[in-house]
Amino acid sequence: MTKFCVVGSLNMDMVTRVERFPQPGETLTGLSFNIFPGGKGANQAVALARLGARVEMVGALGDDVLGNRYAQILAEARIGMAAVAREAEVSTGTASIEVSAAGENHIVIVAGANALVQPARVEAARPIIETCASLLLQLEIPMESVLAAARIAKAAGLAVILDPAPARELPAELYPLVSVITPNEHEARLLTGEDCSTEAGIARAGKRLCEMGAACAIIKAGPRGAFIVQGTSCKRIPGFAVKVVDTTAAGDSFNAGLALALAEGRELPEAVRFANAVGALSTTREGAQSAMPSLEEARALVAKAGA
């Protein structure tokens, strides 16, 4: 069975559902409150595990109540934890999330133990990373650690899939280490300066990302689906119409589906279509990891849409 490595964050998500987002200085009464395991790194790891993959996680938790609970969750998901550190006197990372009745979200992150995932820790995980077929990265740990992981994976011949989120500028050195970069429209605009509200703008943004060194850019565009850009070629892969409940971690689910499909040897358009299905299904339930679909559910949606 193909094995994947995820180097990234582990957060506990504090989710408040609201009818609408408050204005500055305004107090609203929320509709509900729940705590869910999250963090973009762990989300991608759990999404892969839910799809039936073997996964190794590299990251850090606080030595606190939330960290204890998260370690149990990873164990139940059968995710490899040999490179997940427990940090004394540091909190587990958290994300405070507001979800509106329309399914959109606002998120505030406190890094906690994630800030201690330093390059030395990534280097110590080299033997684990090198045993995998693909490496998944995001930007909720220090940038120098993202670079360290990408260098290790590139040297070992792994596919490197980078989700450049939360949105921030990237060092020029990172792009040539990346097999596939998967920004959404907002992130693509920040990275390239291109207006991604139109397909032409998305094509220009993707081309620019490739010119900076990424082998392929896949720009996630919500209801419009996803756009594959390689060189001067831009191809739209339609999304799936579903009833949206909560968009939290849809992008993480997409990246997990993409990594799995590519590792199975699927052609890029077919892999992105499968990733679109995984991402779409994750929006039909509340929460991040709790909403992620099984392999059977994702395959059924693809089959139904193709009928």
C-alpha atoms as a PDB file:
ATOM      1  CA  MET A   1       0.000   0.000   0.000  1.00  0.00           C
ATOM      2  CA  THR A   2       1.294   3.461  -0.906  1.00  0.00           C
ATOM      3  CA  LYS A   3       2.407   5.503   2.100  1.00  0.00           C
ATOM      4  CA  PHE A   4       2.099   9.279   2.440  1.00  0.00           C
ATOM      5  CA  CYS A   5       3.814  11.740   4.755  1.00  0.00           C
ATOM      6  CA  VAL A   6       2.244  14.961   5.990  1.00  0.00           C
ATOM      7  CA  VAL A   7       4.474  17.578   7.608  1.00  0.00           C
ATOM      8  CA  GLY A   8       2.316  20.248   9.180  1.00  0.00           C
ATOM      9  CA  SER A   9       0.025  21.542  11.889  1.00  0.00           C
ATOM     10  CA  LEU A  10      -2.285  19.996  14.449  1.00  0.00           C
ATOM     11  CA  ASN A  11      -4.959  22.304  15.898  1.00  0.00           C
ATOM     12  CA  MET A  12      -8.102  21.905  17.899  1.00  0.00           C
ATOM     13  CA  ASP A  13     -10.903  23.807  16.155  1.00  0.00           C
ATOM     14  CA  MET A  14     -13.331  25.783  18.333  1.00  0.00           C
ATOM     15  CA  VAL A  15     -16.340  26.152  16.036  1.00  0.00           C
ATOM     16  CA  THR A  16     -19.168  28.609  16.638  1.00  0.00           C
ATOM     17  CA  ARG A  17     -22.103  28.609  14.223  1.00  0.00           C
ATOM     18  CA  VAL A  18     -23.720  32.013  13.620  1.00  0.00           C
ATOM     19  CA  GLU A  19     -26.549  33.299  11.466  1.00  0.00           C
ATOM     20  CA  ARG A  20     -24.137  35.893  10.070  1.00  0.00           C
ATOM     21  CA  PHE A  21     -20.697  37.257  10.913  1.00  0.00           C
ATOM     22  CA  PRO A  22     -20.624  40.110  13.468  1.00  0.00           C
ATOM     23  CA  GLN A  23     -19.585  43.611  12.499  1.00  0.00           C
ATOM     24  CA  PRO A  24     -16.636  45.227  14.351  1.00  0.00           C
ATOM     25  CA  GLY A  25     -17.686  45.938  17.949  1.00  0.00           C
ATOM     26  CA  GLU A  26     -20.919  43.939  17.616  1.00  0.00           C
ATOM     27  CA  THR A  27     -21.931  41.037  19.891  1.00  0.00           C
ATOM     28  CA  LEU A  28     -24.112  38.269  18.452  1.00  0.00           C
ATOM     29  CA  THR A  29     -25.734  35.221  20.004  1.00  0.00           C
ATOM     30  CA  GLY A  30     -24.321  32.091  18.424  1.00  0.00           C
ATOM     31  CA  LEU A  31     -26.357  29.120  17.277  1.00  0.00           C
ATOM     32  CA  SER A  32     -24.052  26.346  18.554  1.00  0.00           C
ATOM     33  CA  PHE A  33     -20.508  25.563  19.711  1.00  0.00           C
ATOM     34  CA  ASN A  34     -18.363  22.460  19.191  1.00  0.00           C
ATOM     35  CA  ILE A  35     -14.725  21.408  19.423  1.00  0.00           C
ATOM     36  CA  PHE A  36     -13.276  19.433  16.510  1.00  0.00           C
ATOM     37  CA  PRO A  37      -9.747  18.212  15.711  1.00  0.00           C
ATOM     38  CA  GLY A  38      -8.232  20.271  12.892  1.00  0.00           C
ATOM     39  CA  GLY A  39      -5.089  21.968  11.619  1.00  0.00           C
ATOM     40  CA  LYS A  40      -4.319  21.871   7.908  1.00  0.00           C
ATOM     41  CA  GLY A  41      -1.593  19.251   8.288  1.00  0.00           C
ATOM     42  CA  ALA A  42      -3.587  16.822  10.406  1.00  0.00           C
ATOM     43  CA  ASN A  43      -6.683  17.466   8.298  1.00  0.00           C
ATOM     44  CA  GLN A  44      -4.848  16.247   5.219  1.00  0.00           C
ATOM     45  CA  ALA A  45      -3.462  13.258   7.121  1.00  0.00           C
ATOM     46  CA  VAL A  46      -6.885  12.232   8.434  1.00  0.00           C
ATOM     47  CA  ALA A  47      -8.498  12.772   5.020  1.00  0.00           C
ATOM     48  CA  LEU A  48      -5.947  10.428   3.468  1.00  0.00           C
ATOM     49  CA  ALA A  49      -6.499   7.855   6.210  1.00  0.00           C
ATOM     50  CA  ARG A  50     -10.261   8.106   5.694  1.00  0.00           C
ATOM     51  CA  LEU A  51      -9.627   7.300   2.025  1.00  0.00           C
ATOM     52  CA  GLY A  52      -7.793   4.149   3.082  1.00  0.00           C
ATOM     53  CA  ALA A  53      -4.190   5.344   2.786  1.00  0.00           C
ATOM     54  CA  ARG A  54      -1.240   4.729   5.110  1.00  0.00           C
ATOM     55  CA  VAL A  55      -0.073   8.029   6.568  1.00  0.00           C
ATOM     56  CA  GLU A  56       2.841   9.273   8.669  1.00  0.00           C
ATOM     57  CA  MET A  57       2.459  12.618  10.473  1.00  0.00           C
ATOM     58  CA  VAL A  58       5.301  14.984  11.362  1.00  0.00           C
ATOM     59  CA  GLY A  59       4.278  17.739  13.791  1.00  0.00           C
ATOM     60  CA  ALA A  60       3.854  18.709  17.441  1.00  0.00           C
ATOM     61  CA  LEU A  61       1.198  18.787  20.160  1.00  0.00           C
ATOM     62  CA  GLY A  62       1.191  20.488  23.533  1.00  0.00           C
ATOM     63  CA  ASP A  63       1.441  18.384  26.677  1.00  0.00           C
ATOM     64  CA  ASP A  64      -2.089  19.412  27.668  1.00  0.00           C
ATOM     65  CA  VAL A  65      -5.657  18.155  27.655  1.00  0.00           C
ATOM     66  CA  LEU A  66      -6.169  19.048  23.997  1.00  0.00           C
ATOM     67  CA  GLY A  67      -2.913  17.352  23.067  1.00  0.00           C
ATOM     68  CA  ASN A  68      -3.908  14.179  24.921  1.00  0.00           C
ATOM     69  CA  ARG A  69      -7.207  14.093  23.070  1.00  0.00           C
ATOM     70  CA  TYR A  70      -5.536  14.722  19.723  1.00  0.00           C
ATOM     71  CA  ALA A  71      -3.026  11.918  20.221  1.00  0.00           C
ATOM     72  CA  GLN A  72      -5.948   9.573  20.847  1.00  0.00           C
ATOM     73  CA  ILE A  73      -7.663  10.772  17.657  1.00  0.00           C
ATOM     74  CA  LEU A  74      -4.550  10.129  15.553  1.00  0.00           C
ATOM     75  CA  ALA A  75      -4.173   6.684  17.057  1.00  0.00           C
ATOM     76  CA  GLU A  76      -7.811   5.859  16.287  1.00  0.00           C
ATOM     77  CA  ALA A  77      -7.261   6.996  12.690  1.00  0.00           C
ATOM     78  CA  ARG A  78      -4.197   4.701  12.482  1.00  0.00           C
ATOM     79  CA  ILE A  79      -1.906   7.564  11.534  1.00  0.00           C
ATOM     80  CA  GLY A  80       1.792   7.052  12.225  1.00  0.00           C
ATOM     81  CA  MET A  81       2.820   9.217  15.200  1.00  0.00           C
ATOM     82  CA  ALA A  82       6.525   8.433  15.639  1.00  0.00           C
ATOM     83  CA  ALA A  83       7.405  11.988  14.519  1.00  0.00           C
ATOM     84  CA  VAL A  84       4.625  13.804  16.439  1.00  0.00           C
ATOM     85  CA  ALA A  85       6.335  15.495  19.411  1.00  0.00           C
ATOM     86  CA  ARG A  86       4.712  16.416  22.735  1.00  0.00           C
ATOM     87  CA  GLU A  87       5.889  19.839  23.952  1.00  0.00           C
ATOM     88  CA  ALA A  88       5.887  20.580  27.685  1.00  0.00           C
ATOM     89  CA  GLU A  89       4.535  23.943  28.906  1.00  0.00           C
ATOM     90  CA  VAL A  90       3.221  24.806  25.422  1.00  0.00           C
ATOM     91  CA  SER A  91      -0.408  24.737  24.351  1.00  0.00           C
ATOM     92  CA  THR A  92      -1.690  22.604  21.522  1.00  0.00           C
ATOM     93  CA  GLY A  93      -2.469  24.777  18.496  1.00  0.00           C
ATOM     94  CA  THR A  94      -6.004  26.124  18.249  1.00  0.00           C
ATOM     95  CA  ALA A  95      -8.255  27.631  15.600  1.00  0.00           C
ATOM     96  CA  SER A  96     -11.275  29.739  16.505  1.00  0.00           C
ATOM     97  CA  ILE A  97     -13.773  29.378  13.684  1.00  0.00           C
ATOM     98  CA  GLU A  98     -17.045  31.153  12.951  1.00  0.00           C
ATOM     99  CA  VAL A  99     -19.322  29.429  10.419  1.00  0.00           C
ATOM    100  CA  SER A 100     -22.212  31.395   8.920  1.00  0.00           C
ATOM    101  CA  ALA A 101     -25.607  30.034   7.877  1.00  0.00           C
ATOM    102  CA  ALA A 102     -24.344  30.222   4.273  1.00  0.00           C
ATOM    103  CA  GLY A 103     -21.521  27.812   5.127  1.00  0.00           C
ATOM    104  CA  GLU A 104     -18.683  30.353   4.852  1.00  0.00           C
ATOM    105  CA  ASN A 105     -16.075  30.675   7.603  1.00  0.00           C
ATOM    106  CA  HIS A 106     -13.732  33.075   9.428  1.00  0.00           C
ATOM    107  CA  ILE A 107     -10.703  31.516  11.162  1.00  0.00           C
ATOM    108  CA  VAL A 108      -8.177  32.792  13.752  1.00  0.00           C
ATOM    109  CA  ILE A 109      -5.214  30.493  14.475  1.00  0.00           C
ATOM    110  CA  VAL A 110      -2.933  30.337  17.542  1.00  0.00           C
ATOM    111  CA  ALA A 111       0.121  28.277  16.574  1.00  0.00           C
ATOM    112  CA  GLY A 112       1.056  26.892  20.002  1.00  0.00           C
ATOM    113  CA  ALA A 113       3.183  23.755  19.598  1.00  0.00           C
ATOM    114  CA  ASN A 114       3.072  24.089  15.812  1.00  0.00           C
ATOM    115  CA  ALA A 115       5.587  26.948  16.055  1.00  0.00           C
ATOM    116  CA  LEU A 116       8.100  24.477  17.527  1.00  0.00           C
ATOM    117  CA  VAL A 117       8.141  22.246  14.444  1.00  0.00           C
ATOM    118  CA  GLN A 118      11.628  23.499  13.564  1.00  0.00           C
ATOM    119  CA  PRO A 119      13.961  22.280  10.757  1.00  0.00           C
ATOM    120  CA  ALA A 120      15.926  20.072  13.170  1.00  0.00           C
ATOM    121  CA  ARG A 121      12.744  18.174  13.992  1.00  0.00           C
ATOM    122  CA  VAL A 122      11.972  17.748  10.291  1.00  0.00           C
ATOM    123  CA  GLU A 123      15.517  16.532   9.676  1.00  0.00           C
ATOM    124  CA  ALA A 124      15.093  13.969  12.466  1.00  0.00           C
ATOM    125  CA  ALA A 125      12.053  12.660  10.583  1.00  0.00           C
ATOM    126  CA  ARG A 126      14.051  12.188   7.356  1.00  0.00           C
ATOM    127  CA  PRO A 127      14.016   8.353   7.600  1.00  0.00           C
ATOM    128  CA  ILE A 128      10.203   8.438   7.849  1.00  0.00           C
ATOM    129  CA  ILE A 129       9.754  10.945   5.023  1.00  0.00           C
ATOM    130  CA  GLU A 130      12.022   8.986   2.686  1.00  0.00           C
ATOM    131  CA  THR A 131       9.925   5.810   3.028  1.00  0.00           C
ATOM    132  CA  CYS A 132       6.855   7.535   1.553  1.00  0.00           C
ATOM    133  CA  ALA A 133       5.698   8.111  -2.020  1.00  0.00           C
ATOM    134  CA  SER A 134       4.329  11.626  -1.553  1.00  0.00           C
ATOM    135  CA  LEU A 135       4.806  14.550   0.829  1.00  0.00           C
ATOM    136  CA  LEU A 136       1.990  16.970   1.644  1.00  0.00           C
ATOM    137  CA  LEU A 137       2.844  20.442   2.962  1.00  0.00           C
ATOM    138  CA  GLN A 138       0.966  23.557   4.125  1.00  0.00           C
ATOM    139  CA  LEU A 139       1.996  26.821   5.828  1.00  0.00           C
ATOM    140  CA  GLU A 140       0.923  26.554   9.488  1.00  0.00           C
ATOM    141  CA  ILE A 141       4.432  25.624  10.679  1.00  0.00           C
ATOM    142  CA  PRO A 142       7.614  27.723  10.288  1.00  0.00           C
ATOM    143  CA  MET A 143       8.529  28.368   6.636  1.00  0.00           C
ATOM    144  CA  GLU A 144      12.089  27.136   7.112  1.00  0.00           C
ATOM    145  CA  SER A 145      10.648  23.779   8.194  1.00  0.00           C
ATOM    146  CA  VAL A 146       8.445  23.618   5.101  1.00  0.00           C
ATOM    147  CA  LEU A 147      11.574  24.210   3.025  1.00  0.00           C
ATOM    148  CA  ALA A 148      13.525  21.560   4.936  1.00  0.00           C
ATOM    149  CA  ALA A 149      10.818  18.953   4.339  1.00  0.00           C
ATOM    150  CA  ALA A 150      10.532  19.846   0.650  1.00  0.00           C
ATOM    151  CA  ARG A 151      14.306  19.530   0.190  1.00  0.00           C
ATOM    152  CA  ILE A 152      14.317  16.081   1.801  1.00  0.00           C
ATOM    153  CA  ALA A 153      11.407  14.893  -0.336  1.00  0.00           C
ATOM    154  CA  LYS A 154      12.804  16.324  -3.576  1.00  0.00           C
ATOM    155  CA  ALA A 155      16.172  14.649  -3.001  1.00  0.00           C
ATOM    156  CA  ALA A 156      14.431  11.343  -2.307  1.00  0.00           C
ATOM    157  CA  GLY A 157      12.297  11.558  -5.454  1.00  0.00           C
ATOM    158  CA  LEU A 158       8.956  12.040  -3.686  1.00  0.00           C
ATOM    159  CA  ALA A 159       6.061  13.966  -5.185  1.00  0.00           C
ATOM    160  CA  VAL A 160       5.693  17.228  -3.219  1.00  0.00           C
ATOM    161  CA  ILE A 161       2.176  18.678  -3.003  1.00  0.00           C
ATOM    162  CA  LEU A 162       2.066  22.147  -1.480  1.00  0.00           C
ATOM    163  CA  ASP A 163      -1.090  23.846  -0.247  1.00  0.00           C
ATOM    164  CA  PRO A 164       0.085  27.494   0.121  1.00  0.00           C
ATOM    165  CA  ALA A 165      -2.314  28.252   2.973  1.00  0.00           C
ATOM    166  CA  PRO A 166      -2.765  30.288   5.044  1.00  0.00           C
ATOM    167  CA  ALA A 167      -1.954  32.793   2.299  1.00  0.00           C
ATOM    168  CA  ARG A 168       1.550  34.293   2.486  1.00  0.00           C
ATOM    169  CA  GLU A 169       4.461  34.994   0.200  1.00  0.00           C
ATOM    170  CA  LEU A 170       6.749  32.050  -0.509  1.00  0.00           C
ATOM    171  CA  PRO A 171      10.549  31.988  -0.771  1.00  0.00           C
ATOM    172  CA  ALA A 172      11.745  31.628  -4.361  1.00  0.00           C
ATOM    173  CA  GLU A 173      13.670  28.487  -3.409  1.00  0.00           C
ATOM    174  CA  LEU A 174      10.485  26.595  -2.569  1.00  0.00           C
ATOM    175  CA  TYR A 175       8.805  26.653  -5.979  1.00  0.00           C
ATOM    176  CA  PRO A 176      11.316  24.387  -7.820  1.00  0.00           C
ATOM    177  CA  LEU A 177      10.940  21.799  -5.051  1.00  0.00           C
ATOM    178  CA  VAL A 178       7.177  21.511  -5.641  1.00  0.00           C
ATOM    179  CA  SER A 179       5.516  18.956  -7.914  1.00  0.00           C
ATOM    180  CA  VAL A 180       2.025  20.458  -7.542  1.00  0.00           C
ATOM    181  CA  ILE A 181       1.018  23.750  -5.902  1.00  0.00           C
ATOM    182  CA  THR A 182      -2.692  24.053  -5.048  1.00  0.00           C
ATOM    183  CA  PRO A 183      -3.735  27.607  -4.116  1.00  0.00           C
ATOM    184  CA  ASN A 184      -7.305  28.817  -4.051  1.00  0.00           C
ATOM    185  CA  GLU A 185      -8.190  32.009  -5.943  1.00  0.00           C
ATOM    186  CA  HIS A 186      -7.247  34.294  -3.039  1.00  0.00           C
ATOM    187  CA  GLU A 187      -3.908  32.567  -2.465  1.00  0.00           C
ATOM    188  CA  ALA A 188      -3.097  32.536  -6.187  1.00  0.00           C
ATOM    189  CA  ARG A 189      -3.730  36.276  -6.357  1.00  0.00           C
ATOM    190  CA  LEU A 190      -1.467  36.956  -3.371  1.00  0.00           C
ATOM    191  CA  LEU A 191       1.335  34.840  -4.858  1.00  0.00           C
ATOM    192  CA  THR A 192       1.152  36.227  -8.387  1.00  0.00           C
ATOM    193  CA  GLY A 193      -0.669  39.560  -8.289  1.00  0.00           C
ATOM    194  CA  GLU A 194      -3.150  38.292 -10.890  1.00  0.00           C
ATOM    195  CA  ASP A 195      -6.899  38.862 -10.588  1.00  0.00           C
ATOM    196  CA  CYS A 196      -8.314  35.327 -10.383  1.00  0.00           C
ATOM    197  CA  SER A 197     -11.978  36.270 -10.702  1.00  0.00           C
ATOM    198  CA  THR A 198     -11.915  35.190 -14.367  1.00  0.00           C
ATOM    199  CA  GLU A 199     -10.634  32.071 -16.103  1.00  0.00           C
ATOM    200  CA  ALA A 200      -8.134  34.200 -18.023  1.00  0.00           C
ATOM    201  CA  GLY A 201      -6.799  35.568 -14.750  1.00  0.00           C
ATOM    202  CA  ILE A 202      -6.526  32.086 -13.292  1.00  0.00           C
ATOM    203  CA  ALA A 203      -4.604  30.951 -16.376  1.00  0.00           C
ATOM    204  CA  ARG A 204      -2.171  33.850 -15.984  1.00  0.00           C
ATOM    205  CA  ALA A 205      -1.723  33.115 -12.272  1.00  0.00           C
ATOM    206  CA  GLY A 206      -1.085  29.443 -12.898  1.00  0.00           C
ATOM    207  CA  LYS A 207       1.396  30.233 -15.664  1.00  0.00           C
ATOM    208  CA  ARG A 208       3.242  32.583 -13.330  1.00  0.00           C
ATOM    209  CA  LEU A 209       3.459  29.904 -10.618  1.00  0.00           C
ATOM    210  CA  CYS A 210       4.960  27.514 -13.166  1.00  0.00           C
ATOM    211  CA  GLU A 211       7.414  30.182 -14.320  1.00  0.00           C
ATOM    212  CA  MET A 212       8.524  30.548 -10.690  1.00  0.00           C
ATOM    213  CA  GLY A 213       9.413  26.854 -10.706  1.00  0.00           C
ATOM    214  CA  ALA A 214       6.391  24.743  -9.720  1.00  0.00           C
ATOM    215  CA  ALA A 215       5.980  21.769 -12.051  1.00  0.00           C
ATOM    216  CA  CYS A 216       2.187  22.161 -12.049  1.00  0.00           C
ATOM    217  CA  ALA A 217      -0.367  24.551 -10.574  1.00  0.00           C
ATOM    218  CA  ILE A 218      -3.902  23.514  -9.656  1.00  0.00           C
ATOM    219  CA  ILE A 219      -6.008  26.494  -8.661  1.00  0.00           C
ATOM    220  CA  LYS A 220      -9.047  25.632  -6.554  1.00  0.00           C
ATOM    221  CA  ALA A 221     -12.043  27.783  -7.483  1.00  0.00           C
ATOM    222  CA  GLY A 222     -14.905  26.582  -5.265  1.00  0.00           C
ATOM    223  CA  PRO A 223     -18.145  26.051  -7.214  1.00  0.00           C
ATOM    224  CA  ARG A 224     -16.279  26.550 -10.495  1.00  0.00           C
ATOM    225  CA  GLY A 225     -14.188  23.453  -9.811  1.00  0.00           C
ATOM    226  CA  ALA A 226     -10.409  23.494 -10.253  1.00  0.00           C
ATOM    227  CA  PHE A 227      -8.054  24.666 -12.992  1.00  0.00           C
ATOM    228  CA  ILE A 228      -4.977  22.689 -14.044  1.00  0.00           C
ATOM    229  CA  VAL A 229      -2.193  24.897 -15.375  1.00  0.00           C
ATOM    230  CA  GLN A 230       0.968  23.457 -16.896  1.00  0.00           C
ATOM    231  CA  GLY A 231       3.032  25.922 -18.884  1.00  0.00           C
ATOM    232  CA  THR A 232       0.630  27.735 -21.205  1.00  0.00           C
ATOM    233  CA  SER A 233      -2.126  25.091 -20.899  1.00  0.00           C
ATOM    234  CA  CYS A 234      -5.128  25.754 -18.635  1.00  0.00           C
ATOM    235  CA  LYS A 235      -7.896  23.162 -18.229  1.00  0.00           C
ATOM    236  CA  ARG A 236     -10.974  23.531 -16.028  1.00  0.00           C
ATOM    237  CA  ILE A 237     -12.205  20.442 -14.191  1.00  0.00           C
ATOM    238  CA  PRO A 238     -15.833  21.027 -13.098  1.00  0.00           C
ATOM    239  CA  GLY A 239     -16.834  20.625  -9.472  1.00  0.00           C
ATOM    240  CA  PHE A 240     -19.798  18.772  -7.974  1.00  0.00           C
ATOM    241  CA  ALA A 241     -23.123  20.298  -6.941  1.00  0.00           C
ATOM    242  CA  VAL A 242     -23.757  19.481  -3.262  1.00  0.00           C
ATOM    243  CA  LYS A 243     -25.660  21.053  -0.386  1.00  0.00           C
ATOM    244  CA  VAL A 244     -23.001  23.019   1.487  1.00  0.00           C
ATOM    245  CA  VAL A 245     -23.097  22.910   5.298  1.00  0.00           C
ATOM    246  CA  ASP A 246     -19.526  23.882   6.243  1.00  0.00           C
ATOM    247  CA  THR A 247     -16.573  24.658   3.949  1.00  0.00           C
ATOM    248  CA  THR A 248     -13.951  24.142   6.674  1.00  0.00           C
ATOM    249  CA  ALA A 249     -11.144  21.849   5.415  1.00  0.00           C
ATOM    250  CA  ALA A 250     -12.588  21.453   1.918  1.00  0.00           C
ATOM    251  CA  GLY A 251      -9.195  22.436   0.514  1.00  0.00           C
ATOM    252  CA  ASP A 252      -7.426  19.938   2.791  1.00  0.00           C
ATOM    253  CA  SER A 253      -9.780  17.182   1.656  1.00  0.00           C
ATOM    254  CA  PHE A 254      -9.134  18.152  -1.978  1.00  0.00           C
ATOM    255  CA  ASN A 255      -5.373  17.825  -1.502  1.00  0.00           C
ATOM    256  CA  ALA A 256      -5.738  14.418   0.129  1.00  0.00           C
ATOM    257  CA  GLY A 257      -7.888  13.179  -2.742  1.00  0.00           C
ATOM    258  CA  LEU A 258      -5.417  14.585  -5.264  1.00  0.00           C
ATOM    259  CA  ALA A 259      -2.420  12.944  -3.583  1.00  0.00           C
ATOM    260  CA  LEU A 260      -4.166   9.577  -3.416  1.00  0.00           C
ATOM    261  CA  ALA A 261      -5.326   9.655  -7.037  1.00  0.00           C
ATOM    262  CA  LEU A 262      -1.915  10.698  -8.355  1.00  0.00           C
ATOM    263  CA  ALA A 263      -0.199   7.961  -6.319  1.00  0.00           C
ATOM    264  CA  GLU A 264      -2.600   5.472  -7.891  1.00  0.00           C
ATOM    265  CA  GLY A 265      -1.270   6.538 -11.292  1.00  0.00           C
ATOM    266  CA  ARG A 266      -4.348   8.392 -12.512  1.00  0.00           C
ATOM    267  CA  GLU A 267      -3.963  11.011 -15.211  1.00  0.00           C
ATOM    268  CA  LEU A 268      -4.024  14.567 -13.869  1.00  0.00           C
ATOM    269  CA  PRO A 269      -7.563  15.529 -15.040  1.00  0.00           C
ATOM    270  CA  GLU A 270      -9.006  12.337 -13.557  1.00  0.00           C
ATOM    271  CA  ALA A 271      -7.069  12.890 -10.325  1.00  0.00           C
ATOM    272  CA  VAL A 272      -8.394  16.446 -10.017  1.00  0.00           C
ATOM    273  CA  ARG A 273     -11.944  15.286 -10.673  1.00  0.00           C
ATOM    274  CA  PHE A 274     -11.620  12.771  -7.848  1.00  0.00           C
ATOM    275  CA  ALA A 275     -10.116  15.496  -5.624  1.00  0.00           C
ATOM    276  CA  ASN A 276     -13.080  17.748  -6.448  1.00  0.00           C
ATOM    277  CA  ALA A 277     -15.418  14.985  -5.287  1.00  0.00           C
ATOM    278  CA  VAL A 278     -13.561  14.501  -1.992  1.00  0.00           C
ATOM    279  CA  GLY A 279     -13.533  18.250  -1.365  1.00  0.00           C
ATOM    280  CA  ALA A 280     -17.217  18.644  -2.238  1.00  0.00           C
ATOM    281  CA  LEU A 281     -18.331  15.820   0.044  1.00  0.00           C
ATOM    282  CA  SER A 282     -16.397  17.336   2.954  1.00  0.00           C
ATOM    283  CA  THR A 283     -18.609  20.447   2.768  1.00  0.00           C
ATOM    284  CA  THR A 284     -21.832  18.486   3.276  1.00  0.00           C
ATOM    285  CA  ARG A 285     -21.202  17.852   6.993  1.00  0.00           C
ATOM    286  CA  GLU A 286     -20.122  19.997   9.925  1.00  0.00           C
ATOM    287  CA  GLY A 287     -16.542  20.177  11.083  1.00  0.00           C
ATOM    288  CA  ALA A 288     -13.201  19.436   9.484  1.00  0.00           C
ATOM    289  CA  GLN A 289     -12.040  15.845  10.020  1.00  0.00           C
ATOM    290  CA  SER A 290     -15.495  14.661  11.061  1.00  0.00           C
ATOM    291  CA  ALA A 291     -16.810  15.670   7.628  1.00  0.00           C
ATOM    292  CA  MET A 292     -14.242  13.885   5.481  1.00  0.00           C
ATOM    293  CA  PRO A 293     -15.594  11.187   3.161  1.00  0.00           C
ATOM    294  CA  SER A 294     -14.625   7.573   2.743  1.00  0.00           C
ATOM    295  CA  LEU A 295     -13.135   6.215  -0.457  1.00  0.00           C
ATOM    296  CA  GLU A 296     -16.442   4.539  -1.268  1.00  0.00           C
ATOM    297  CA  GLU A 297     -18.379   7.800  -0.873  1.00  0.00           C
ATOM    298  CA  ALA A 298     -15.990   9.704  -3.124  1.00  0.00           C
ATOM    299  CA  ARG A 299     -16.024   7.030  -5.809  1.00  0.00           C
ATOM    300  CA  ALA A 300     -19.826   6.877  -5.670  1.00  0.00           C
ATOM    301  CA  LEU A 301     -20.132  10.645  -6.232  1.00  0.00           C
ATOM    302  CA  VAL A 302     -17.778  10.512  -9.216  1.00  0.00           C
ATOM    303  CA  ALA A 303     -19.680   7.550 -10.659  1.00  0.00           C
ATOM    304  CA  LYS A 304     -23.078   9.188 -10.104  1.00  0.00           C
ATOM    305  CA  ALA A 305     -22.012  12.434 -11.761  1.00  0.00           C
ATOM    306  CA  GLY A 306     -20.593  10.523 -14.692  1.00  0.00           C
ATOM    307  CA  ALA A 307     -23.771   8.514 -15.230  1.00  0.00           C
END
